[in-house]
PDB file of N, CA and C in Angstrom:
ATOM      1  N   UNK A   1       9.373 -50.789 -10.177  1.00  0.00           N
ATOM      2  CA  UNK A   1       8.228 -49.488  -9.755  1.00  0.00           C
ATOM      3  C   UNK A   1       8.808 -48.378  -8.963  1.00  0.00           C
ATOM      4  N   UNK A   2       9.932 -48.909  -8.047  1.00  0.00           N
ATOM      5  CA  UNK A   2      10.285 -48.282  -7.105  1.00  0.00           C
ATOM      6  C   UNK A   2      11.066 -47.106  -8.097  1.00  0.00           C
ATOM      7  N   UNK A   3      11.335 -46.898  -9.493  1.00  0.00           N
ATOM      8  CA  UNK A   3      12.253 -45.948 -10.075  1.00  0.00           C
ATOM      9  C   UNK A   3      11.239 -45.117 -10.267  1.00  0.00           C
ATOM     10  N   UNK A   4       9.859 -45.711 -10.767  1.00  0.00           N
ATOM     11  CA  UNK A   4       8.934 -44.971 -11.223  1.00  0.00           C
ATOM     12  C   UNK A   4       8.606 -43.737 -10.049  1.00  0.00           C
ATOM     13  N   UNK A   5       8.545 -44.436  -9.057  1.00  0.00           N
ATOM     14  CA  UNK A   5       7.964 -43.838  -7.304  1.00  0.00           C
ATOM     15  C   UNK A   5       9.155 -42.483  -7.632  1.00  0.00           C
ATOM     16  N   UNK A   6       9.860 -42.322  -8.009  1.00  0.00           N
ATOM     17  CA  UNK A   6      11.203 -41.703  -7.218  1.00  0.00           C
ATOM     18  C   UNK A   6      11.185 -40.547  -8.445  1.00  0.00           C
ATOM     19  N   UNK A   7      10.975 -41.138  -9.759  1.00  0.00           N
ATOM     20  CA  UNK A   7      10.606 -40.456 -11.237  1.00  0.00           C
ATOM     21  C   UNK A   7       9.587 -39.129 -10.576  1.00  0.00           C
ATOM     22  N   UNK A   8       8.071 -39.632 -10.291  1.00  0.00           N
ATOM     23  CA  UNK A   8       7.200 -39.039  -9.508  1.00  0.00           C
ATOM     24  C   UNK A   8       7.471 -37.951  -8.940  1.00  0.00           C
ATOM     25  N   UNK A   9       8.300 -38.628  -7.214  1.00  0.00           N
ATOM     26  CA  UNK A   9       8.863 -37.425  -6.356  1.00  0.00           C
ATOM     27  C   UNK A   9       9.504 -36.094  -6.594  1.00  0.00           C
ATOM     28  N   UNK A  10      10.379 -36.594  -7.766  1.00  0.00           N
ATOM     29  CA  UNK A  10      11.175 -35.361  -8.424  1.00  0.00           C
ATOM     30  C   UNK A  10      10.491 -34.959  -9.468  1.00  0.00           C
ATOM     31  N   UNK A  11       9.797 -34.866 -10.275  1.00  0.00           N
ATOM     32  CA  UNK A  11       9.122 -34.285 -11.314  1.00  0.00           C
ATOM     33  C   UNK A  11       7.822 -33.524 -10.325  1.00  0.00           C
ATOM     34  N   UNK A  12       6.728 -34.107  -9.054  1.00  0.00           N
ATOM     35  CA  UNK A  12       6.191 -33.565  -8.135  1.00  0.00           C
ATOM     36  C   UNK A  12       6.836 -31.765  -7.811  1.00  0.00           C
ATOM     37  N   UNK A  13       8.332 -32.253  -7.145  1.00  0.00           N
ATOM     38  CA  UNK A  13       9.350 -31.598  -6.059  1.00  0.00           C
ATOM     39  C   UNK A  13       9.692 -30.204  -7.572  1.00  0.00           C
ATOM     40  N   UNK A  14       9.687 -31.008  -9.160  1.00  0.00           N
ATOM     41  CA  UNK A  14      10.362 -29.342  -9.532  1.00  0.00           C
ATOM     42  C   UNK A  14       9.060 -28.482 -10.146  1.00  0.00           C
ATOM     43  N   UNK A  15       7.517 -29.552 -10.099  1.00  0.00           N
ATOM     44  CA  UNK A  15       6.723 -28.546 -10.229  1.00  0.00           C
ATOM     45  C   UNK A  15       6.374 -27.137  -9.257  1.00  0.00           C
ATOM     46  N   UNK A  16       6.440 -28.264  -8.027  1.00  0.00           N
ATOM     47  CA  UNK A  16       6.430 -27.082  -6.478  1.00  0.00           C
ATOM     48  C   UNK A  16       7.850 -25.978  -7.089  1.00  0.00           C
ATOM     49  N   UNK A  17       8.963 -26.674  -7.255  1.00  0.00           N
ATOM     50  CA  UNK A  17       9.351 -25.462  -6.824  1.00  0.00           C
ATOM     51  C   UNK A  17       9.335 -24.261  -7.930  1.00  0.00           C
ATOM     52  N   UNK A  18       8.780 -24.708  -9.011  1.00  0.00           N
ATOM     53  CA  UNK A  18       8.313 -23.598 -10.179  1.00  0.00           C
ATOM     54  C   UNK A  18       7.230 -22.806 -10.047  1.00  0.00           C
ATOM     55  N   UNK A  19       6.629 -23.868  -9.087  1.00  0.00           N
ATOM     56  CA  UNK A  19       5.021 -22.709  -8.820  1.00  0.00           C
ATOM     57  C   UNK A  19       5.686 -21.933  -7.983  1.00  0.00           C
ATOM     58  N   UNK A  20       6.684 -21.931  -6.924  1.00  0.00           N
ATOM     59  CA  UNK A  20       7.730 -21.081  -5.943  1.00  0.00           C
ATOM     60  C   UNK A  20       8.132 -20.084  -6.612  1.00  0.00           C
ATOM     61  N   UNK A  21       8.537 -20.620  -7.507  1.00  0.00           N
ATOM     62  CA  UNK A  21       9.153 -19.455  -8.247  1.00  0.00           C
ATOM     63  C   UNK A  21       8.488 -18.388  -9.287  1.00  0.00           C
ATOM     64  N   UNK A  22       7.507 -18.658  -9.653  1.00  0.00           N
ATOM     65  CA  UNK A  22       6.661 -17.556 -10.239  1.00  0.00           C
ATOM     66  C   UNK A  22       5.868 -16.625  -9.368  1.00  0.00           C
ATOM     67  N   UNK A  23       5.777 -17.700  -8.064  1.00  0.00           N
ATOM     68  CA  UNK A  23       5.157 -16.778  -6.905  1.00  0.00           C
ATOM     69  C   UNK A  23       6.121 -15.610  -6.259  1.00  0.00           C
ATOM     70  N   UNK A  24       7.185 -15.560  -6.552  1.00  0.00           N
ATOM     71  CA  UNK A  24       8.254 -14.982  -5.787  1.00  0.00           C
ATOM     72  C   UNK A  24       8.555 -13.912  -7.002  1.00  0.00           C
ATOM     73  N   UNK A  25       8.449 -14.323  -8.516  1.00  0.00           N
ATOM     74  CA  UNK A  25       8.626 -13.410  -9.030  1.00  0.00           C
ATOM     75  C   UNK A  25       7.329 -12.191  -9.086  1.00  0.00           C
ATOM     76  N   UNK A  26       6.634 -12.922  -9.073  1.00  0.00           N
ATOM     77  CA  UNK A  26       4.665 -11.995  -9.300  1.00  0.00           C
ATOM     78  C   UNK A  26       4.596 -10.900  -7.943  1.00  0.00           C
ATOM     79  N   UNK A  27       5.817 -11.437  -6.767  1.00  0.00           N
ATOM     80  CA  UNK A  27       5.857 -10.499  -5.585  1.00  0.00           C
ATOM     81  C   UNK A  27       6.867  -9.097  -6.174  1.00  0.00           C
ATOM     82  N   UNK A  28       8.040  -9.945  -6.557  1.00  0.00           N
ATOM     83  CA  UNK A  28       8.850  -8.711  -6.913  1.00  0.00           C
ATOM     84  C   UNK A  28       8.652  -7.818  -7.613  1.00  0.00           C
ATOM     85  N   UNK A  29       8.153  -7.979  -8.751  1.00  0.00           N
ATOM     86  CA  UNK A  29       7.569  -7.201  -9.672  1.00  0.00           C
ATOM     87  C   UNK A  29       6.466  -6.524  -9.312  1.00  0.00           C
ATOM     88  N   UNK A  30       5.324  -6.975  -8.106  1.00  0.00           N
ATOM     89  CA  UNK A  30       4.345  -6.212  -7.188  1.00  0.00           C
ATOM     90  C   UNK A  30       5.116  -4.934  -7.052  1.00  0.00           C
ATOM     91  N   UNK A  31       6.311  -5.420  -5.985  1.00  0.00           N
ATOM     92  CA  UNK A  31       6.634  -4.533  -5.202  1.00  0.00           C
ATOM     93  C   UNK A  31       7.449  -3.094  -5.935  1.00  0.00           C
ATOM     94  N   UNK A  32       8.292  -3.868  -7.151  1.00  0.00           N
ATOM     95  CA  UNK A  32       8.540  -2.835  -8.202  1.00  0.00           C
ATOM     96  C   UNK A  32       8.058  -1.972  -7.930  1.00  0.00           C
ATOM     97  N   UNK A  33       6.424  -2.085  -8.993  1.00  0.00           N
ATOM     98  CA  UNK A  33       5.641  -1.547  -9.240  1.00  0.00           C
ATOM     99  C   UNK A  33       5.012  -0.534  -8.224  1.00  0.00           C
ATOM    100  N   UNK A  34       4.987  -0.774  -7.060  1.00  0.00           N
ATOM    101  CA  UNK A  34       4.391  -0.068  -5.986  1.00  0.00           C
ATOM    102  C   UNK A  34       5.386   0.879  -5.613  1.00  0.00           C
ATOM    103  N   UNK A  35       7.194   0.396  -5.204  1.00  0.00           N
ATOM    104  CA  UNK A  35       7.816   1.533  -5.377  1.00  0.00           C
ATOM    105  C   UNK A  35       7.847   2.620  -6.434  1.00  0.00           C
ATOM    106  N   UNK A  36       7.796   2.356  -7.981  1.00  0.00           N
ATOM    107  CA  UNK A  36       7.974   2.991  -9.052  1.00  0.00           C
ATOM    108  C   UNK A  36       6.154   3.968  -8.864  1.00  0.00           C
ATOM    109  N   UNK A  37       5.787   3.758  -8.174  1.00  0.00           N
ATOM    110  CA  UNK A  37       4.572   4.361  -7.758  1.00  0.00           C
ATOM    111  C   UNK A  37       4.312   5.232  -6.799  1.00  0.00           C
ATOM    112  N   UNK A  38       5.155   5.110  -5.812  1.00  0.00           N
ATOM    113  CA  UNK A  38       5.764   6.397  -4.653  1.00  0.00           C
ATOM    114  C   UNK A  38       6.497   7.135  -4.998  1.00  0.00           C
ATOM    115  N   UNK A  39       7.729   6.842  -5.914  1.00  0.00           N
ATOM    116  CA  UNK A  39       8.643   7.898  -6.217  1.00  0.00           C
ATOM    117  C   UNK A  39       7.994   8.473  -7.754  1.00  0.00           C
ATOM    118  N   UNK A  40       6.955   8.790  -7.680  1.00  0.00           N
ATOM    119  CA  UNK A  40       6.277  10.011  -8.901  1.00  0.00           C
ATOM    120  C   UNK A  40       6.270  10.673  -8.739  1.00  0.00           C
ATOM    121  N   UNK A  41       6.268  11.012  -7.457  1.00  0.00           N
ATOM    122  CA  UNK A  41       5.512  12.485  -6.459  1.00  0.00           C
ATOM    123  C   UNK A  41       7.188  13.048  -6.737  1.00  0.00           C
ATOM    124  N   UNK A  42       7.122  14.074  -7.660  1.00  0.00           N
ATOM    125  CA  UNK A  42       8.130  15.236  -7.517  1.00  0.00           C
ATOM    126  C   UNK A  42       8.307  15.755  -5.932  1.00  0.00           C
ATOM    127  N   UNK A  43      10.064  15.673  -5.994  1.00  0.00           N
ATOM    128  CA  UNK A  43      10.120  16.212  -4.265  1.00  0.00           C
ATOM    129  C   UNK A  43       9.578  17.272  -4.230  1.00  0.00           C
ATOM    130  N   UNK A  44       9.647  18.555  -5.059  1.00  0.00           N
ATOM    131  CA  UNK A  44       9.042  19.472  -4.968  1.00  0.00           C
ATOM    132  C   UNK A  44       7.491  20.040  -4.107  1.00  0.00           C
ATOM    133  N   UNK A  45       7.087  18.592  -5.211  1.00  0.00           N
ATOM    134  CA  UNK A  45       5.713  18.595  -4.416  1.00  0.00           C
ATOM    135  C   UNK A  45       4.989  18.251  -3.273  1.00  0.00           C
ATOM    136  N   UNK A  46       5.944  17.153  -2.791  1.00  0.00           N
ATOM    137  CA  UNK A  46       6.173  16.413  -0.934  1.00  0.00           C
ATOM    138  C   UNK A  46       6.825  17.979  -0.497  1.00  0.00           C
ATOM    139  N   UNK A  47       7.825  19.050  -0.644  1.00  0.00           N
ATOM    140  CA  UNK A  47       7.846  20.072  -0.070  1.00  0.00           C
ATOM    141  C   UNK A  47       6.923  20.608   0.510  1.00  0.00           C
ATOM    142  N   UNK A  48       6.075  21.280  -0.809  1.00  0.00           N
ATOM    143  CA  UNK A  48       4.633  22.059  -1.011  1.00  0.00           C
ATOM    144  C   UNK A  48       3.880  21.558   0.501  1.00  0.00           C
ATOM    145  N   UNK A  49       3.707  20.297   0.168  1.00  0.00           N
ATOM    146  CA  UNK A  49       3.153  19.194   0.807  1.00  0.00           C
ATOM    147  C   UNK A  49       2.897  19.934   2.410  1.00  0.00           C
ATOM    148  N   UNK A  50       4.279  19.426   2.541  1.00  0.00           N
ATOM    149  CA  UNK A  50       4.467  19.366   4.426  1.00  0.00           C
ATOM    150  C   UNK A  50       4.636  20.503   5.049  1.00  0.00           C
ATOM    151  N   UNK A  51       4.817  22.058   4.079  1.00  0.00           N
ATOM    152  CA  UNK A  51       4.957  23.217   4.433  1.00  0.00           C
ATOM    153  C   UNK A  51       3.338  23.572   4.769  1.00  0.00           C
ATOM    154  N   UNK A  52       2.351  22.927   3.894  1.00  0.00           N
ATOM    155  CA  UNK A  52       0.821  23.458   4.203  1.00  0.00           C
ATOM    156  C   UNK A  52       0.734  22.649   5.212  1.00  0.00           C
ATOM    157  N   UNK A  53       0.598  23.215   6.500  1.00  0.00           N
ATOM    158  CA  UNK A  53      -0.181  22.411   7.493  1.00  0.00           C
ATOM    159  C   UNK A  53      -1.732  21.699   6.903  1.00  0.00           C
ATOM    160  N   UNK A  54      -2.211  20.754   7.921  1.00  0.00           N
ATOM    161  CA  UNK A  54      -3.260  20.037   7.552  1.00  0.00           C
ATOM    162  C   UNK A  54      -4.582  20.629   8.288  1.00  0.00           C
ATOM    163  N   UNK A  55      -5.794  21.367   8.063  1.00  0.00           N
ATOM    164  CA  UNK A  55      -6.184  21.585   8.888  1.00  0.00           C
ATOM    165  C   UNK A  55      -7.501  20.080   9.093  1.00  0.00           C
ATOM    166  N   UNK A  56      -7.642  20.518  10.403  1.00  0.00           N
ATOM    167  CA  UNK A  56      -8.901  19.456  11.222  1.00  0.00           C
ATOM    168  C   UNK A  56     -10.102  19.888  11.288  1.00  0.00           C
ATOM    169  N   UNK A  57     -10.910  19.766  10.247  1.00  0.00           N
ATOM    170  CA  UNK A  57     -12.190  20.054  10.735  1.00  0.00           C
ATOM    171  C   UNK A  57     -13.181  19.477  11.663  1.00  0.00           C
ATOM    172  N   UNK A  58     -12.974  18.011  11.713  1.00  0.00           N
ATOM    173  CA  UNK A  58     -13.709  16.995  12.798  1.00  0.00           C
ATOM    174  C   UNK A  58     -13.483  17.949  14.219  1.00  0.00           C
ATOM    175  N   UNK A  59     -12.590  18.280  14.880  1.00  0.00           N
ATOM    176  CA  UNK A  59     -13.086  18.774  16.367  1.00  0.00           C
ATOM    177  C   UNK A  59     -13.611  20.487  16.081  1.00  0.00           C
ATOM    178  N   UNK A  60     -13.645  21.245  15.069  1.00  0.00           N
ATOM    179  CA  UNK A  60     -14.639  21.817  15.106  1.00  0.00           C
ATOM    180  C   UNK A  60     -16.158  22.033  14.783  1.00  0.00           C
ATOM    181  N   UNK A  61     -16.468  20.830  14.283  1.00  0.00           N
ATOM    182  CA  UNK A  61     -17.883  20.634  13.886  1.00  0.00           C
ATOM    183  C   UNK A  61     -18.443  19.653  15.137  1.00  0.00           C
ATOM    184  N   UNK A  62     -17.473  19.115  15.977  1.00  0.00           N
ATOM    185  CA  UNK A  62     -18.394  18.694  17.178  1.00  0.00           C
ATOM    186  C   UNK A  62     -18.973  19.666  17.860  1.00  0.00           C
ATOM    187  N   UNK A  63     -18.260  20.900  17.621  1.00  0.00           N
ATOM    188  CA  UNK A  63     -18.444  21.850  18.920  1.00  0.00           C
ATOM    189  C   UNK A  63     -19.372  22.481  18.741  1.00  0.00           C
ATOM    190  N   UNK A  64     -20.556  22.695  19.437  1.00  0.00           N
ATOM    191  CA  UNK A  64     -21.614  23.929  19.391  1.00  0.00           C
ATOM    192  C   UNK A  64     -21.267  25.506  19.986  1.00  0.00           C
ATOM    193  N   UNK A  65     -21.146  25.784  19.111  1.00  0.00           N
ATOM    194  CA  UNK A  65     -21.807  27.458  18.956  1.00  0.00           C
ATOM    195  C   UNK A  65     -22.510  27.680  20.511  1.00  0.00           C
ATOM    196  N   UNK A  66     -21.691  29.120  21.009  1.00  0.00           N
ATOM    197  CA  UNK A  66     -22.563  29.835  21.571  1.00  0.00           C
ATOM    198  C   UNK A  66     -24.118  30.718  20.928  1.00  0.00           C
ATOM    199  N   UNK A  67     -24.598  30.663  21.908  1.00  0.00           N
ATOM    200  CA  UNK A  67     -25.914  31.663  21.405  1.00  0.00           C
ATOM    201  C   UNK A  67     -25.449  32.943  20.855  1.00  0.00           C
ATOM    202  N   UNK A  68     -24.719  33.739  21.633  1.00  0.00           N
ATOM    203  CA  UNK A  68     -24.125  34.797  21.204  1.00  0.00           C
ATOM    204  C   UNK A  68     -23.628  34.837  19.588  1.00  0.00           C
ATOM    205  N   UNK A  69     -22.441  33.692  19.502  1.00  0.00           N
ATOM    206  CA  UNK A  69     -22.044  33.898  18.222  1.00  0.00           C
ATOM    207  C   UNK A  69     -22.806  33.541  17.377  1.00  0.00           C
ATOM    208  N   UNK A  70     -23.644  32.919  17.537  1.00  0.00           N
ATOM    209  CA  UNK A  70     -25.201  32.047  16.551  1.00  0.00           C
ATOM    210  C   UNK A  70     -25.629  33.282  16.310  1.00  0.00           C
ATOM    211  N   UNK A  71     -25.804  34.502  17.277  1.00  0.00           N
ATOM    212  CA  UNK A  71     -26.403  35.532  16.599  1.00  0.00           C
ATOM    213  C   UNK A  71     -25.833  36.786  15.913  1.00  0.00           C
ATOM    214  N   UNK A  72     -24.440  36.905  16.268  1.00  0.00           N
ATOM    215  CA  UNK A  72     -23.330  38.161  15.648  1.00  0.00           C
ATOM    216  C   UNK A  72     -23.058  37.550  14.482  1.00  0.00           C
ATOM    217  N   UNK A  73     -23.248  36.214  14.596  1.00  0.00           N
ATOM    218  CA  UNK A  73     -22.442  35.653  12.844  1.00  0.00           C
ATOM    219  C   UNK A  73     -21.002  34.970  12.869  1.00  0.00           C
ATOM    220  N   UNK A  74     -20.735  35.584  14.333  1.00  0.00           N
ATOM    221  CA  UNK A  74     -18.945  35.312  14.405  1.00  0.00           C
ATOM    222  C   UNK A  74     -18.512  34.088  15.129  1.00  0.00           C
TER     223      UNK A  74
END
């Protein structure tokens, strides 16, 4: 009976190790695909994107215009 118990324990350890190995492989493949998707943007477009400043419209949207600006349209 002791041998049977040891065999079951070894089998369980093998199953757990296999499961962990599969999870690690999935994580690595996911990370690899994420890195590939990030590399897909060409360097030229990155330069162009960084050269163009981003406009923050939220600051202007909260500011109320004065009466004269509304009247003159400016």
